[in-house]
Amino acid sequence: MSNNFGYIDIILLAMIAGFIILRLRNILGRKTGHEDKYYTNFSDQKFKDFPKEEDNSKVNDILSDKLEGNQKREFLKGAEIAYETILTAFAKGDNKSLKDLLTQDMNVSFEEAINQRNKNNIKSEITFVGTKSTLEKFEKIKNNFFATVKFVSEVISVKRDKDNKVIEGNPDKIKVVTDHWKFSKSVLSKKPNWYLSEIVSK
């Protein structure tokens, strides 16, 4: 008889323990495996991983806070790739690639610059030696997130005329370039990508 009560006690304790574990999981949340991937989406194929639509509330909670740790490092890694990709595509006149990385307004500006360059028969070349980035500002305004990033890059950049003569830059010299870019992402959009929305003058 006492043995039966012992079994019942064990079952009750197990049920109580299970209930407590479930409550803690509901209160504290569960890891989804995407915690370090929320900020890395910049249209490039290697940045396609993103939480499913049902996880949007958790994404927004984190994004409304400051960006730090692994999430900050991953974001800046993606920003550097976007920065080099955009400038390389611009130099090549690759409007198709730019459309996936720019807001509509920025895309118009880039396209106009490329058309003007083509009209003047100017060729542009750029080669990246290295790029470092710093997150200057991160904020949420209404339904959009904005991240301002400072880029310091070492590049070889030249412009040539229709006769392939160098008219600007030096193909044998590395120069240091500093840019301040603002990226944006809509909270409401189902797309995970960030876009270049502004080139900040400083």
Protein backbone atom coordinates (compact mmCIF):
# COMPACT_ATOMS: atom_id res chain seq x y z
CA MET A 1 0.00 0.00 0.00
CA SER A 2 2.79 2.41 0.96
CA ASN A 3 4.54 1.57 -2.32
CA ASN A 4 1.46 2.71 -4.27
CA PHE A 5 1.47 6.06 -2.44
CA GLY A 6 5.16 6.40 -3.27
CA TYR A 7 4.46 5.97 -6.97
CA ILE A 8 1.61 8.50 -6.79
CA ASP A 9 3.94 11.01 -5.10
CA ILE A 10 6.52 10.57 -7.85
CA ILE A 11 3.89 11.06 -10.57
CA LEU A 12 2.56 14.21 -8.87
CA LEU A 13 6.05 15.65 -8.51
CA ALA A 14 6.77 14.94 -12.17
CA MET A 15 3.54 16.68 -13.20
CA ILE A 16 4.34 19.72 -11.05
CA ALA A 17 7.88 19.90 -12.44
CA GLY A 18 6.55 19.68 -15.99
CA PHE A 19 4.06 22.48 -15.32
CA ILE A 20 6.80 24.74 -13.89
CA ILE A 21 9.05 24.10 -16.91
CA LEU A 22 6.23 24.98 -19.31
CA ARG A 23 5.50 28.21 -17.41
CA LEU A 24 9.16 29.23 -17.50
CA ARG A 25 9.33 28.56 -21.23
CA ASN A 26 6.26 30.75 -21.80
CA ILE A 27 7.60 33.58 -19.63
CA LEU A 28 11.22 33.59 -20.77
CA GLY A 29 10.68 32.53 -24.37
CA ARG A 30 12.52 29.89 -26.34
CA LYS A 31 15.57 30.10 -28.54
CA THR A 32 14.62 29.83 -32.19
CA GLY A 33 18.10 29.42 -33.60
CA HIS A 34 17.80 32.82 -35.30
CA GLU A 35 18.85 35.09 -32.43
CA ASP A 36 22.07 36.15 -34.15
CA LYS A 37 20.53 36.42 -37.63
CA TYR A 38 17.96 39.20 -37.20
CA TYR A 39 20.26 41.94 -38.49
CA THR A 40 22.19 40.23 -41.26
CA ASN A 41 19.80 40.48 -44.18
CA PHE A 42 21.17 42.57 -47.06
CA SER A 43 19.76 40.83 -50.18
CA ASP A 44 23.04 38.94 -50.71
CA GLN A 45 22.31 35.19 -50.88
CA LYS A 46 24.27 34.38 -47.74
CA PHE A 47 21.99 36.74 -45.77
CA LYS A 48 18.65 35.14 -46.60
CA ASP A 49 18.06 33.39 -43.25
CA PHE A 50 15.36 35.15 -41.25
CA PRO A 51 12.73 34.29 -38.62
CA LYS A 52 9.38 33.09 -39.86
CA GLU A 53 6.50 35.57 -40.03
CA GLU A 54 5.01 34.34 -36.75
CA ASP A 55 8.22 35.40 -34.95
CA ASN A 56 7.88 39.06 -36.00
CA SER A 57 6.86 40.25 -32.52
CA LYS A 58 10.09 38.88 -31.04
CA VAL A 59 12.13 40.48 -33.82
CA ASN A 60 10.51 43.86 -33.22
CA ASP A 61 11.09 43.64 -29.46
CA ILE A 62 14.80 43.10 -30.01
CA LEU A 63 15.11 45.68 -32.77
CA SER A 64 13.51 48.36 -30.59
CA ASP A 65 16.38 47.89 -28.15
CA LYS A 66 20.03 48.72 -28.77
CA LEU A 67 22.14 46.61 -31.09
CA GLU A 68 25.06 44.88 -29.41
CA GLY A 69 27.14 41.73 -29.10
CA ASN A 70 26.91 39.09 -31.80
CA GLN A 71 23.90 40.76 -33.40
CA LYS A 72 25.88 43.97 -33.87
CA ARG A 73 28.86 42.11 -35.32
CA GLU A 74 26.66 40.17 -37.75
CA PHE A 75 24.83 43.32 -38.79
CA LEU A 76 28.06 45.17 -39.54
CA LYS A 77 29.40 42.18 -41.46
CA GLY A 78 26.32 42.34 -43.67
CA ALA A 79 26.61 46.12 -43.97
CA GLU A 80 30.20 45.85 -45.20
CA ILE A 81 29.20 43.33 -47.85
CA ALA A 82 26.31 45.57 -48.93
CA TYR A 83 28.62 48.60 -49.04
CA GLU A 84 31.19 46.92 -51.28
CA THR A 85 28.50 45.29 -53.43
CA ILE A 86 26.69 48.59 -54.02
CA LEU A 87 29.81 50.55 -54.95
CA THR A 88 31.09 47.75 -57.18
CA ALA A 89 27.72 47.49 -58.96
CA PHE A 90 27.62 51.28 -59.33
CA ALA A 91 31.07 51.31 -60.92
CA LYS A 92 30.01 48.59 -63.36
CA GLY A 93 26.69 50.31 -64.10
CA ASP A 94 24.82 47.24 -62.86
CA ASN A 95 21.37 48.71 -62.20
CA LYS A 96 19.81 45.28 -61.77
CA SER A 97 21.94 44.44 -58.73
CA LEU A 98 21.45 47.90 -57.25
CA LYS A 99 17.64 47.62 -57.28
CA ASP A 100 17.81 44.84 -54.69
CA LEU A 101 19.93 46.93 -52.32
CA LEU A 102 18.54 50.47 -52.56
CA THR A 103 15.30 52.21 -51.65
CA GLN A 104 13.29 53.51 -54.58
CA ASP A 105 14.54 57.10 -54.16
CA MET A 106 18.16 56.02 -53.88
CA ASN A 107 17.79 53.77 -56.90
CA VAL A 108 16.61 56.75 -58.98
CA SER A 109 19.64 58.79 -57.89
CA PHE A 110 22.10 55.99 -58.68
CA GLU A 111 20.48 55.29 -62.04
CA GLU A 112 20.66 58.97 -63.03
CA ALA A 113 24.35 59.10 -62.10
CA ILE A 114 25.09 55.97 -64.14
CA ASN A 115 23.18 57.32 -67.15
CA GLN A 116 25.07 60.62 -66.98
CA ARG A 117 28.38 58.78 -66.75
CA ASN A 118 27.49 56.67 -69.78
CA LYS A 119 26.43 59.79 -71.67
CA ASN A 120 29.86 61.29 -71.03
CA ASN A 121 31.57 58.04 -72.12
CA ILE A 122 33.24 57.64 -68.73
CA LYS A 123 34.18 54.25 -67.33
CA SER A 124 34.50 53.74 -63.59
CA GLU A 125 36.58 51.09 -61.81
CA ILE A 126 36.87 50.27 -58.13
CA THR A 127 38.77 47.57 -56.25
CA PHE A 128 38.40 47.09 -52.51
CA VAL A 129 41.48 46.32 -50.43
CA GLY A 130 39.64 46.33 -47.11
CA THR A 131 36.65 47.82 -45.30
CA LYS A 132 35.95 48.54 -41.63
CA SER A 133 32.59 49.65 -40.26
CA THR A 134 31.22 51.28 -37.12
CA LEU A 135 27.57 51.51 -36.08
CA GLU A 136 26.94 55.20 -35.37
CA LYS A 137 23.20 55.20 -34.73
CA PHE A 138 20.36 52.71 -34.47
CA GLU A 139 16.75 53.78 -34.05
CA LYS A 140 13.13 52.94 -34.68
CA ILE A 141 10.90 55.65 -36.16
CA LYS A 142 7.25 54.70 -36.53
CA ASN A 143 7.24 51.50 -38.61
CA ASN A 144 10.83 51.68 -39.80
CA PHE A 145 14.22 50.78 -38.38
CA PHE A 146 17.25 52.90 -39.31
CA ALA A 147 20.93 52.10 -38.88
CA THR A 148 23.63 54.65 -39.69
CA VAL A 149 27.00 53.06 -40.39
CA LYS A 150 30.41 54.65 -40.84
CA PHE A 151 32.62 52.91 -43.41
CA VAL A 152 36.36 53.44 -43.72
CA SER A 153 37.68 51.61 -46.76
CA GLU A 154 40.91 51.26 -48.68
CA VAL A 155 40.22 51.27 -52.41
CA ILE A 156 41.84 51.63 -55.80
CA SER A 157 39.48 53.80 -57.80
CA VAL A 158 39.85 55.32 -61.28
CA LYS A 159 37.78 56.87 -64.04
CA ARG A 160 38.67 56.52 -67.71
CA ASP A 161 37.51 58.29 -70.84
CA LYS A 162 36.39 56.68 -74.09
CA ASP A 163 40.04 56.20 -75.08
CA ASN A 164 40.71 54.34 -71.81
CA LYS A 165 42.84 57.22 -70.54
CA VAL A 166 42.78 57.79 -66.77
CA ILE A 167 41.05 61.09 -66.02
CA GLU A 168 40.63 60.64 -62.27
CA GLY A 169 42.33 58.50 -59.64
CA ASN A 170 45.43 56.32 -59.82
CA PRO A 171 45.36 52.61 -60.73
CA ASP A 172 48.57 52.07 -58.74
CA LYS A 173 47.60 53.92 -55.58
CA ILE A 174 45.42 52.93 -52.64
CA LYS A 175 43.32 55.69 -51.13
CA VAL A 176 41.28 55.82 -47.92
CA VAL A 177 37.59 56.68 -48.27
CA THR A 178 35.16 57.47 -45.44
CA ASP A 179 31.40 57.22 -45.95
CA HIS A 180 28.35 57.45 -43.68
CA TRP A 181 25.41 55.39 -44.94
CA LYS A 182 21.94 54.97 -43.49
CA PHE A 183 20.15 51.65 -44.00
CA SER A 184 16.44 51.14 -43.43
CA LYS A 185 14.01 48.28 -42.97
CA SER A 186 10.22 48.33 -42.69
CA VAL A 187 8.70 46.58 -39.68
CA LEU A 188 5.61 45.77 -41.75
CA SER A 189 7.40 44.28 -44.74
CA LYS A 190 7.54 40.51 -45.09
CA LYS A 191 10.90 40.89 -46.83
CA PRO A 192 13.88 40.51 -44.49
CA ASN A 193 16.17 42.83 -46.43
CA TRP A 194 17.74 46.10 -45.39
CA TYR A 195 18.14 48.85 -47.99
CA LEU A 196 20.44 51.83 -48.41
CA SER A 197 18.14 54.81 -47.86
CA GLU A 198 20.55 57.74 -47.49
CA ILE A 199 24.18 58.74 -47.93
CA VAL A 200 24.83 61.09 -45.03
CA SER A 201 27.06 64.13 -45.54
CA LYS A 202 29.46 64.80 -42.65
